[in-house]
Amino acid sequence: MNYILLTLRRLVMVRKTVTIKDDLFHSLEQNHIINQYQSFSELVSNALELLIEKQKKEQYKLAMIEASKDELYIQDMKSIENEFQYSDFENIK
């Protein structure tokens, strides 16, 4: 007998009141963006998730720029590159 284990993530919602500019709302309506979501709450949640993802990518980009200026980091990356230079070709026949 096969069993399927389902893990359900508990979804907790926070109720907040959002006030937006009238012209922004009309722009959402005119561009039919509002129709792509089941509710305005879903639209706002999706937009916030995208904003958070964008912020994380920007922070990562800034961290990589900082790392590229760090001599110790550069030495570590060169060392790793040298140690694994042949591993890419191990499975080639």
PDB file of N, CA and C in Angstrom:
ATOM      1  N   MET A   1       0.842  -1.173   0.000  1.00  0.00           N
ATOM      2  CA  MET A   1       0.000   0.000   0.000  1.00  0.00           C
ATOM      3  C   MET A   1       0.892   1.243   0.000  1.00  0.00           C
ATOM      4  N   ASN A   2       0.622   2.147  -0.871  1.00  0.00           N
ATOM      5  CA  ASN A   2       1.387   3.386  -0.958  1.00  0.00           C
ATOM      6  C   ASN A   2       0.689   4.481  -0.172  1.00  0.00           C
ATOM      7  N   TYR A   3       1.486   5.230   0.545  1.00  0.00           N
ATOM      8  CA  TYR A   3       0.948   6.342   1.313  1.00  0.00           C
ATOM      9  C   TYR A   3       1.534   7.642   0.781  1.00  0.00           C
ATOM     10  N   ILE A   4       0.718   8.635   0.730  1.00  0.00           N
ATOM     11  CA  ILE A   4       1.175   9.954   0.318  1.00  0.00           C
ATOM     12  C   ILE A   4       1.104  10.858   1.538  1.00  0.00           C
ATOM     13  N   LEU A   5       2.216  11.456   1.840  1.00  0.00           N
ATOM     14  CA  LEU A   5       2.275  12.367   2.976  1.00  0.00           C
ATOM     15  C   LEU A   5       2.161  13.794   2.454  1.00  0.00           C
ATOM     16  N   LEU A   6       1.160  14.478   2.887  1.00  0.00           N
ATOM     17  CA  LEU A   6       0.968  15.866   2.502  1.00  0.00           C
ATOM     18  C   LEU A   6       1.318  16.771   3.673  1.00  0.00           C
ATOM     19  N   THR A   7       2.109  17.757   3.408  1.00  0.00           N
ATOM     20  CA  THR A   7       2.442  18.738   4.427  1.00  0.00           C
ATOM     21  C   THR A   7       1.707  20.017   4.069  1.00  0.00           C
ATOM     22  N   LEU A   8       0.880  20.456   4.952  1.00  0.00           N
ATOM     23  CA  LEU A   8       0.138  21.691   4.728  1.00  0.00           C
ATOM     24  C   LEU A   8       0.807  22.822   5.477  1.00  0.00           C
ATOM     25  N   ARG A   9       1.055  23.869   4.773  1.00  0.00           N
ATOM     26  CA  ARG A   9       1.637  25.051   5.390  1.00  0.00           C
ATOM     27  C   ARG A   9       0.492  25.883   5.962  1.00  0.00           C
ATOM     28  N   ARG A  10       0.622  26.184   7.207  1.00  0.00           N
ATOM     29  CA  ARG A  10      -0.412  26.986   7.856  1.00  0.00           C
ATOM     30  C   ARG A  10      -0.317  28.408   7.323  1.00  0.00           C
ATOM     31  N   LEU A  11      -1.392  28.848   6.749  1.00  0.00           N
ATOM     32  CA  LEU A  11      -1.432  30.162   6.151  1.00  0.00           C
ATOM     33  C   LEU A  11      -2.076  31.130   7.139  1.00  0.00           C
ATOM     34  N   VAL A  12      -1.297  32.057   7.607  1.00  0.00           N
ATOM     35  CA  VAL A  12      -1.786  33.051   8.547  1.00  0.00           C
ATOM     36  C   VAL A  12      -1.868  34.379   7.810  1.00  0.00           C
ATOM     37  N   MET A  13      -3.006  34.978   7.873  1.00  0.00           N
ATOM     38  CA  MET A  13      -3.214  36.248   7.201  1.00  0.00           C
ATOM     39  C   MET A  13      -3.288  37.360   8.247  1.00  0.00           C
ATOM     40  N   VAL A  14      -2.786  38.515   7.881  1.00  0.00           N
ATOM     41  CA  VAL A  14      -2.848  39.691   8.734  1.00  0.00           C
ATOM     42  C   VAL A  14      -3.767  40.688   8.044  1.00  0.00           C
ATOM     43  N   ARG A  15      -4.710  41.205   8.756  1.00  0.00           N
ATOM     44  CA  ARG A  15      -5.637  42.167   8.183  1.00  0.00           C
ATOM     45  C   ARG A  15      -5.092  43.576   8.384  1.00  0.00           C
ATOM     46  N   LYS A  16      -4.914  44.287   7.278  1.00  0.00           N
ATOM     47  CA  LYS A  16      -4.435  45.669   7.297  1.00  0.00           C
ATOM     48  C   LYS A  16      -5.309  46.495   6.357  1.00  0.00           C
ATOM     49  N   THR A  17      -5.479  47.741   6.669  1.00  0.00           N
ATOM     50  CA  THR A  17      -6.199  48.657   5.796  1.00  0.00           C
ATOM     51  C   THR A  17      -5.187  49.371   4.916  1.00  0.00           C
ATOM     52  N   VAL A  18      -5.466  49.399   3.613  1.00  0.00           N
ATOM     53  CA  VAL A  18      -4.551  50.018   2.663  1.00  0.00           C
ATOM     54  C   VAL A  18      -5.284  51.163   1.975  1.00  0.00           C
ATOM     55  N   THR A  19      -4.644  52.301   1.930  1.00  0.00           N
ATOM     56  CA  THR A  19      -5.179  53.448   1.204  1.00  0.00           C
ATOM     57  C   THR A  19      -4.220  53.764   0.075  1.00  0.00           C
ATOM     58  N   ILE A  20      -4.758  53.826  -1.143  1.00  0.00           N
ATOM     59  CA  ILE A  20      -3.906  54.129  -2.294  1.00  0.00           C
ATOM     60  C   ILE A  20      -4.472  55.345  -3.021  1.00  0.00           C
ATOM     61  N   LYS A  21      -3.629  55.959  -3.815  1.00  0.00           N
ATOM     62  CA  LYS A  21      -4.049  57.119  -4.594  1.00  0.00           C
ATOM     63  C   LYS A  21      -5.095  56.701  -5.619  1.00  0.00           C
ATOM     64  N   ASP A  22      -6.062  57.572  -5.823  1.00  0.00           N
ATOM     65  CA  ASP A  22      -7.148  57.307  -6.748  1.00  0.00           C
ATOM     66  C   ASP A  22      -6.641  57.012  -8.158  1.00  0.00           C
ATOM     67  N   ASP A  23      -5.679  57.798  -8.635  1.00  0.00           N
ATOM     68  CA  ASP A  23      -5.167  57.592  -9.989  1.00  0.00           C
ATOM     69  C   ASP A  23      -4.425  56.268 -10.133  1.00  0.00           C
ATOM     70  N   LEU A  24      -3.809  55.798  -9.052  1.00  0.00           N
ATOM     71  CA  LEU A  24      -3.144  54.496  -9.077  1.00  0.00           C
ATOM     72  C   LEU A  24      -4.178  53.385  -9.225  1.00  0.00           C
ATOM     73  N   PHE A  25      -5.256  53.485  -8.479  1.00  0.00           N
ATOM     74  CA  PHE A  25      -6.320  52.484  -8.568  1.00  0.00           C
ATOM     75  C   PHE A  25      -6.943  52.470  -9.962  1.00  0.00           C
ATOM     76  N   HIS A  26      -7.203  53.657 -10.523  1.00  0.00           N
ATOM     77  CA  HIS A  26      -7.771  53.737 -11.872  1.00  0.00           C
ATOM     78  C   HIS A  26      -6.813  53.162 -12.909  1.00  0.00           C
ATOM     79  N   SER A  27      -5.527  53.353 -12.709  1.00  0.00           N
ATOM     80  CA  SER A  27      -4.530  52.779 -13.611  1.00  0.00           C
ATOM     81  C   SER A  27      -4.568  51.255 -13.551  1.00  0.00           C
ATOM     82  N   LEU A  28      -4.742  50.705 -12.354  1.00  0.00           N
ATOM     83  CA  LEU A  28      -4.863  49.250 -12.202  1.00  0.00           C
ATOM     84  C   LEU A  28      -6.096  48.745 -12.938  1.00  0.00           C
ATOM     85  N   GLU A  29      -7.183  49.493 -12.847  1.00  0.00           N
ATOM     86  CA  GLU A  29      -8.419  49.109 -13.534  1.00  0.00           C
ATOM     87  C   GLU A  29      -8.283  49.244 -15.054  1.00  0.00           C
ATOM     88  N   GLN A  30      -7.756  50.371 -15.517  1.00  0.00           N
ATOM     89  CA  GLN A  30      -7.633  50.624 -16.951  1.00  0.00           C
ATOM     90  C   GLN A  30      -6.721  49.610 -17.636  1.00  0.00           C
ATOM     91  N   ASN A  31      -5.701  49.186 -16.943  1.00  0.00           N
ATOM     92  CA  ASN A  31      -4.759  48.208 -17.500  1.00  0.00           C
ATOM     93  C   ASN A  31      -5.166  46.762 -17.216  1.00  0.00           C
ATOM     94  N   HIS A  32      -6.345  46.586 -16.667  1.00  0.00           N
ATOM     95  CA  HIS A  32      -6.923  45.268 -16.370  1.00  0.00           C
ATOM     96  C   HIS A  32      -6.049  44.429 -15.445  1.00  0.00           C
ATOM     97  N   ILE A  33      -5.227  45.094 -14.671  1.00  0.00           N
ATOM     98  CA  ILE A  33      -4.373  44.386 -13.704  1.00  0.00           C
ATOM     99  C   ILE A  33      -5.225  43.855 -12.564  1.00  0.00           C
ATOM    100  N   ILE A  34      -6.178  44.630 -12.160  1.00  0.00           N
ATOM    101  CA  ILE A  34      -7.026  44.264 -11.029  1.00  0.00           C
ATOM    102  C   ILE A  34      -7.838  43.002 -11.332  1.00  0.00           C
ATOM    103  N   ASN A  35      -8.144  42.759 -12.614  1.00  0.00           N
ATOM    104  CA  ASN A  35      -8.927  41.587 -13.012  1.00  0.00           C
ATOM    105  C   ASN A  35      -8.123  40.298 -12.991  1.00  0.00           C
ATOM    106  N   GLN A  36      -6.820  40.399 -12.874  1.00  0.00           N
ATOM    107  CA  GLN A  36      -5.961  39.218 -12.878  1.00  0.00           C
ATOM    108  C   GLN A  36      -5.900  38.535 -11.512  1.00  0.00           C
ATOM    109  N   TYR A  37      -6.520  39.127 -10.520  1.00  0.00           N
ATOM    110  CA  TYR A  37      -6.457  38.621  -9.145  1.00  0.00           C
ATOM    111  C   TYR A  37      -7.868  38.375  -8.624  1.00  0.00           C
ATOM    112  N   GLN A  38      -7.962  37.426  -7.708  1.00  0.00           N
ATOM    113  CA  GLN A  38      -9.258  37.102  -7.124  1.00  0.00           C
ATOM    114  C   GLN A  38      -9.739  38.203  -6.185  1.00  0.00           C
ATOM    115  N   SER A  39      -8.790  38.930  -5.617  1.00  0.00           N
ATOM    116  CA  SER A  39      -9.157  40.000  -4.689  1.00  0.00           C
ATOM    117  C   SER A  39      -8.074  41.069  -4.702  1.00  0.00           C
ATOM    118  N   PHE A  40      -8.416  42.217  -4.168  1.00  0.00           N
ATOM    119  CA  PHE A  40      -7.433  43.292  -4.063  1.00  0.00           C
ATOM    120  C   PHE A  40      -6.327  42.895  -3.087  1.00  0.00           C
ATOM    121  N   SER A  41      -6.698  42.142  -2.067  1.00  0.00           N
ATOM    122  CA  SER A  41      -5.704  41.655  -1.101  1.00  0.00           C
ATOM    123  C   SER A  41      -4.666  40.768  -1.770  1.00  0.00           C
ATOM    124  N   GLU A  42      -5.118  39.924  -2.693  1.00  0.00           N
ATOM    125  CA  GLU A  42      -4.183  39.061  -3.412  1.00  0.00           C
ATOM    126  C   GLU A  42      -3.238  39.896  -4.273  1.00  0.00           C
ATOM    127  N   LEU A  43      -3.760  40.926  -4.909  1.00  0.00           N
ATOM    128  CA  LEU A  43      -2.941  41.825  -5.717  1.00  0.00           C
ATOM    129  C   LEU A  43      -1.871  42.488  -4.860  1.00  0.00           C
ATOM    130  N   VAL A  44      -2.273  43.014  -3.709  1.00  0.00           N
ATOM    131  CA  VAL A  44      -1.335  43.692  -2.814  1.00  0.00           C
ATOM    132  C   VAL A  44      -0.288  42.705  -2.300  1.00  0.00           C
ATOM    133  N   SER A  45      -0.715  41.524  -1.894  1.00  0.00           N
ATOM    134  CA  SER A  45       0.229  40.514  -1.403  1.00  0.00           C
ATOM    135  C   SER A  45       1.241  40.142  -2.473  1.00  0.00           C
ATOM    136  N   ASN A  46       0.776  39.944  -3.699  1.00  0.00           N
ATOM    137  CA  ASN A  46       1.664  39.601  -4.801  1.00  0.00           C
ATOM    138  C   ASN A  46       2.658  40.722  -5.065  1.00  0.00           C
ATOM    139  N   ALA A  47       2.173  41.956  -5.062  1.00  0.00           N
ATOM    140  CA  ALA A  47       3.057  43.103  -5.294  1.00  0.00           C
ATOM    141  C   ALA A  47       4.114  43.207  -4.200  1.00  0.00           C
ATOM    142  N   LEU A  48       3.726  42.951  -2.966  1.00  0.00           N
ATOM    143  CA  LEU A  48       4.679  43.018  -1.862  1.00  0.00           C
ATOM    144  C   LEU A  48       5.713  41.898  -1.952  1.00  0.00           C
ATOM    145  N   GLU A  49       5.289  40.709  -2.373  1.00  0.00           N
ATOM    146  CA  GLU A  49       6.235  39.608  -2.559  1.00  0.00           C
ATOM    147  C   GLU A  49       7.267  39.959  -3.629  1.00  0.00           C
ATOM    148  N   LEU A  50       6.804  40.558  -4.717  1.00  0.00           N
ATOM    149  CA  LEU A  50       7.729  40.977  -5.785  1.00  0.00           C
ATOM    150  C   LEU A  50       8.690  42.054  -5.290  1.00  0.00           C
ATOM    151  N   LEU A  51       8.186  42.968  -4.489  1.00  0.00           N
ATOM    152  CA  LEU A  51       9.032  44.023  -3.922  1.00  0.00           C
ATOM    153  C   LEU A  51      10.102  43.435  -3.019  1.00  0.00           C
ATOM    154  N   ILE A  52       9.727  42.478  -2.186  1.00  0.00           N
ATOM    155  CA  ILE A  52      10.684  41.825  -1.286  1.00  0.00           C
ATOM    156  C   ILE A  52      11.734  41.063  -2.090  1.00  0.00           C
ATOM    157  N   GLU A  53      11.289  40.344  -3.125  1.00  0.00           N
ATOM    158  CA  GLU A  53      12.230  39.599  -3.977  1.00  0.00           C
ATOM    159  C   GLU A  53      13.208  40.547  -4.665  1.00  0.00           C
ATOM    160  N   LYS A  54      12.706  41.660  -5.161  1.00  0.00           N
ATOM    161  CA  LYS A  54      13.560  42.653  -5.810  1.00  0.00           C
ATOM    162  C   LYS A  54      14.573  43.218  -4.818  1.00  0.00           C
ATOM    163  N   GLN A  55      14.132  43.489  -3.597  1.00  0.00           N
ATOM    164  CA  GLN A  55      15.012  44.035  -2.565  1.00  0.00           C
ATOM    165  C   GLN A  55      16.114  43.039  -2.212  1.00  0.00           C
ATOM    166  N   LYS A  56      15.761  41.758  -2.101  1.00  0.00           N
ATOM    167  CA  LYS A  56      16.752  40.726  -1.791  1.00  0.00           C
ATOM    168  C   LYS A  56      17.798  40.614  -2.900  1.00  0.00           C
ATOM    169  N   LYS A  57      17.337  40.684  -4.148  1.00  0.00           N
ATOM    170  CA  LYS A  57      18.274  40.624  -5.273  1.00  0.00           C
ATOM    171  C   LYS A  57      19.207  41.825  -5.266  1.00  0.00           C
ATOM    172  N   GLU A  58      18.678  42.984  -4.956  1.00  0.00           N
ATOM    173  CA  GLU A  58      19.498  44.195  -4.900  1.00  0.00           C
ATOM    174  C   GLU A  58      20.532  44.090  -3.775  1.00  0.00           C
ATOM    175  N   GLN A  59      20.123  43.571  -2.609  1.00  0.00           N
ATOM    176  CA  GLN A  59      21.059  43.391  -1.499  1.00  0.00           C
ATOM    177  C   GLN A  59      22.148  42.393  -1.864  1.00  0.00           C
ATOM    178  N   TYR A  60      21.767  41.307  -2.560  1.00  0.00           N
ATOM    179  CA  TYR A  60      22.758  40.319  -2.992  1.00  0.00           C
ATOM    180  C   TYR A  60      23.740  40.948  -3.976  1.00  0.00           C
ATOM    181  N   LYS A  61      23.209  41.725  -4.914  1.00  0.00           N
ATOM    182  CA  LYS A  61      24.061  42.393  -5.894  1.00  0.00           C
ATOM    183  C   LYS A  61      25.065  43.314  -5.202  1.00  0.00           C
ATOM    184  N   LEU A  62      24.603  44.089  -4.230  1.00  0.00           N
ATOM    185  CA  LEU A  62      25.494  44.985  -3.488  1.00  0.00           C
ATOM    186  C   LEU A  62      26.539  44.200  -2.697  1.00  0.00           C
ATOM    187  N   ALA A  63      26.127  43.067  -2.128  1.00  0.00           N
ATOM    188  CA  ALA A  63      27.067  42.228  -1.379  1.00  0.00           C
ATOM    189  C   ALA A  63      28.142  41.660  -2.304  1.00  0.00           C
ATOM    190  N   MET A  64      27.757  41.284  -3.514  1.00  0.00           N
ATOM    191  CA  MET A  64      28.727  40.758  -4.481  1.00  0.00           C
ATOM    192  C   MET A  64      29.682  41.851  -4.948  1.00  0.00           C
ATOM    193  N   ILE A  65      29.193  43.071  -5.093  1.00  0.00           N
ATOM    194  CA  ILE A  65      30.074  44.189  -5.455  1.00  0.00           C
ATOM    195  C   ILE A  65      31.098  44.421  -4.349  1.00  0.00           C
ATOM    196  N   GLU A  66      30.642  44.379  -3.101  1.00  0.00           N
ATOM    197  CA  GLU A  66      31.554  44.526  -1.959  1.00  0.00           C
ATOM    198  C   GLU A  66      32.564  43.387  -1.924  1.00  0.00           C
ATOM    199  N   ALA A  67      32.074  42.164  -2.161  1.00  0.00           N
ATOM    200  CA  ALA A  67      32.966  40.999  -2.127  1.00  0.00           C
ATOM    201  C   ALA A  67      34.026  41.095  -3.215  1.00  0.00           C
ATOM    202  N   SER A  68      33.649  41.662  -4.357  1.00  0.00           N
ATOM    203  CA  SER A  68      34.612  41.763  -5.453  1.00  0.00           C
ATOM    204  C   SER A  68      35.754  42.716  -5.129  1.00  0.00           C
ATOM    205  N   LYS A  69      35.596  43.512  -4.096  1.00  0.00           N
ATOM    206  CA  LYS A  69      36.651  44.439  -3.670  1.00  0.00           C
ATOM    207  C   LYS A  69      37.496  43.863  -2.533  1.00  0.00           C
ATOM    208  N   ASP A  70      37.072  42.722  -2.019  1.00  0.00           N
ATOM    209  CA  ASP A  70      37.740  42.094  -0.872  1.00  0.00           C
ATOM    210  C   ASP A  70      38.805  41.118  -1.369  1.00  0.00           C
ATOM    211  N   GLU A  71      40.068  41.432  -1.096  1.00  0.00           N
ATOM    212  CA  GLU A  71      41.184  40.606  -1.579  1.00  0.00           C
ATOM    213  C   GLU A  71      41.122  39.174  -1.052  1.00  0.00           C
ATOM    214  N   LEU A  72      40.750  38.992   0.208  1.00  0.00           N
ATOM    215  CA  LEU A  72      40.658  37.653   0.783  1.00  0.00           C
ATOM    216  C   LEU A  72      39.575  36.836   0.070  1.00  0.00           C
ATOM    217  N   TYR A  73      38.462  37.454  -0.217  1.00  0.00           N
ATOM    218  CA  TYR A  73      37.387  36.778  -0.945  1.00  0.00           C
ATOM    219  C   TYR A  73      37.868  36.369  -2.339  1.00  0.00           C
ATOM    220  N   ILE A  74      38.550  37.262  -3.015  1.00  0.00           N
ATOM    221  CA  ILE A  74      39.051  36.982  -4.361  1.00  0.00           C
ATOM    222  C   ILE A  74      40.046  35.818  -4.323  1.00  0.00           C
ATOM    223  N   GLN A  75      40.921  35.803  -3.321  1.00  0.00           N
ATOM    224  CA  GLN A  75      41.874  34.700  -3.182  1.00  0.00           C
ATOM    225  C   GLN A  75      41.145  33.381  -2.951  1.00  0.00           C
ATOM    226  N   ASP A  76      40.131  33.405  -2.109  1.00  0.00           N
ATOM    227  CA  ASP A  76      39.347  32.189  -1.851  1.00  0.00           C
ATOM    228  C   ASP A  76      38.691  31.675  -3.121  1.00  0.00           C
ATOM    229  N   MET A  77      38.105  32.571  -3.903  1.00  0.00           N
ATOM    230  CA  MET A  77      37.436  32.168  -5.140  1.00  0.00           C
ATOM    231  C   MET A  77      38.435  31.592  -6.147  1.00  0.00           C
ATOM    232  N   LYS A  78      39.607  32.178  -6.232  1.00  0.00           N
ATOM    233  CA  LYS A  78      40.648  31.655  -7.140  1.00  0.00           C
ATOM    234  C   LYS A  78      41.111  30.278  -6.678  1.00  0.00           C
ATOM    235  N   SER A  79      41.250  30.113  -5.373  1.00  0.00           N
ATOM    236  CA  SER A  79      41.669  28.822  -4.824  1.00  0.00           C
ATOM    237  C   SER A  79      40.624  27.749  -5.126  1.00  0.00           C
ATOM    238  N   ILE A  80      39.372  28.068  -4.932  1.00  0.00           N
ATOM    239  CA  ILE A  80      38.293  27.114  -5.221  1.00  0.00           C
ATOM    240  C   ILE A  80      38.257  26.782  -6.699  1.00  0.00           C
ATOM    241  N   GLU A  81      38.409  27.797  -7.528  1.00  0.00           N
ATOM    242  CA  GLU A  81      38.416  27.588  -8.974  1.00  0.00           C
ATOM    243  C   GLU A  81      39.548  26.650  -9.381  1.00  0.00           C
ATOM    244  N   ASN A  82      40.722  26.835  -8.811  1.00  0.00           N
ATOM    245  CA  ASN A  82      41.866  25.969  -9.124  1.00  0.00           C
ATOM    246  C   ASN A  82      41.641  24.548  -8.645  1.00  0.00           C
ATOM    247  N   GLU A  83      41.070  24.403  -7.451  1.00  0.00           N
ATOM    248  CA  GLU A  83      40.854  23.069  -6.890  1.00  0.00           C
ATOM    249  C   GLU A  83      39.830  22.264  -7.679  1.00  0.00           C
ATOM    250  N   PHE A  84      38.883  22.926  -8.291  1.00  0.00           N
ATOM    251  CA  PHE A  84      37.821  22.231  -9.007  1.00  0.00           C
ATOM    252  C   PHE A  84      37.913  22.384 -10.522  1.00  0.00           C
ATOM    253  N   GLN A  85      39.045  22.791 -11.024  1.00  0.00           N
ATOM    254  CA  GLN A  85      39.149  23.050 -12.458  1.00  0.00           C
ATOM    255  C   GLN A  85      38.913  21.823 -13.325  1.00  0.00           C
ATOM    256  N   TYR A  86      39.194  20.632 -12.811  1.00  0.00           N
ATOM    257  CA  TYR A  86      39.021  19.420 -13.602  1.00  0.00           C
ATOM    258  C   TYR A  86      37.690  18.717 -13.339  1.00  0.00           C
ATOM    259  N   SER A  87      36.983  19.127 -12.323  1.00  0.00           N
ATOM    260  CA  SER A  87      35.743  18.429 -11.967  1.00  0.00           C
ATOM    261  C   SER A  87      34.665  18.563 -13.035  1.00  0.00           C
ATOM    262  N   ASP A  88      34.684  19.619 -13.806  1.00  0.00           N
ATOM    263  CA  ASP A  88      33.698  19.779 -14.867  1.00  0.00           C
ATOM    264  C   ASP A  88      33.845  18.717 -15.958  1.00  0.00           C
ATOM    265  N   PHE A  89      35.034  18.131 -16.078  1.00  0.00           N
ATOM    266  CA  PHE A  89      35.293  17.186 -17.143  1.00  0.00           C
ATOM    267  C   PHE A  89      35.297  15.734 -16.667  1.00  0.00           C
ATOM    268  N   GLU A  90      34.968  15.473 -15.398  1.00  0.00           N
ATOM    269  CA  GLU A  90      35.048  14.123 -14.855  1.00  0.00           C
ATOM    270  C   GLU A  90      34.057  13.159 -15.520  1.00  0.00           C
ATOM    271  N   ASN A  91      32.888  13.619 -15.913  1.00  0.00           N
ATOM    272  CA  ASN A  91      31.867  12.718 -16.468  1.00  0.00           C
ATOM    273  C   ASN A  91      31.859  12.695 -17.985  1.00  0.00           C
ATOM    274  N   ILE A  92      32.764  13.393 -18.616  1.00  0.00           N
ATOM    275  CA  ILE A  92      32.821  13.406 -20.084  1.00  0.00           C
ATOM    276  C   ILE A  92      33.514  12.143 -20.552  1.00  0.00           C
ATOM    277  N   LYS A  93      32.890  11.447 -21.503  1.00  0.00           N
ATOM    278  CA  LYS A  93      33.459  10.177 -22.021  1.00  0.00           C
ATOM    279  C   LYS A  93      33.856  10.320 -23.451  1.00  0.00           C
TER     280      LYS A  93
END
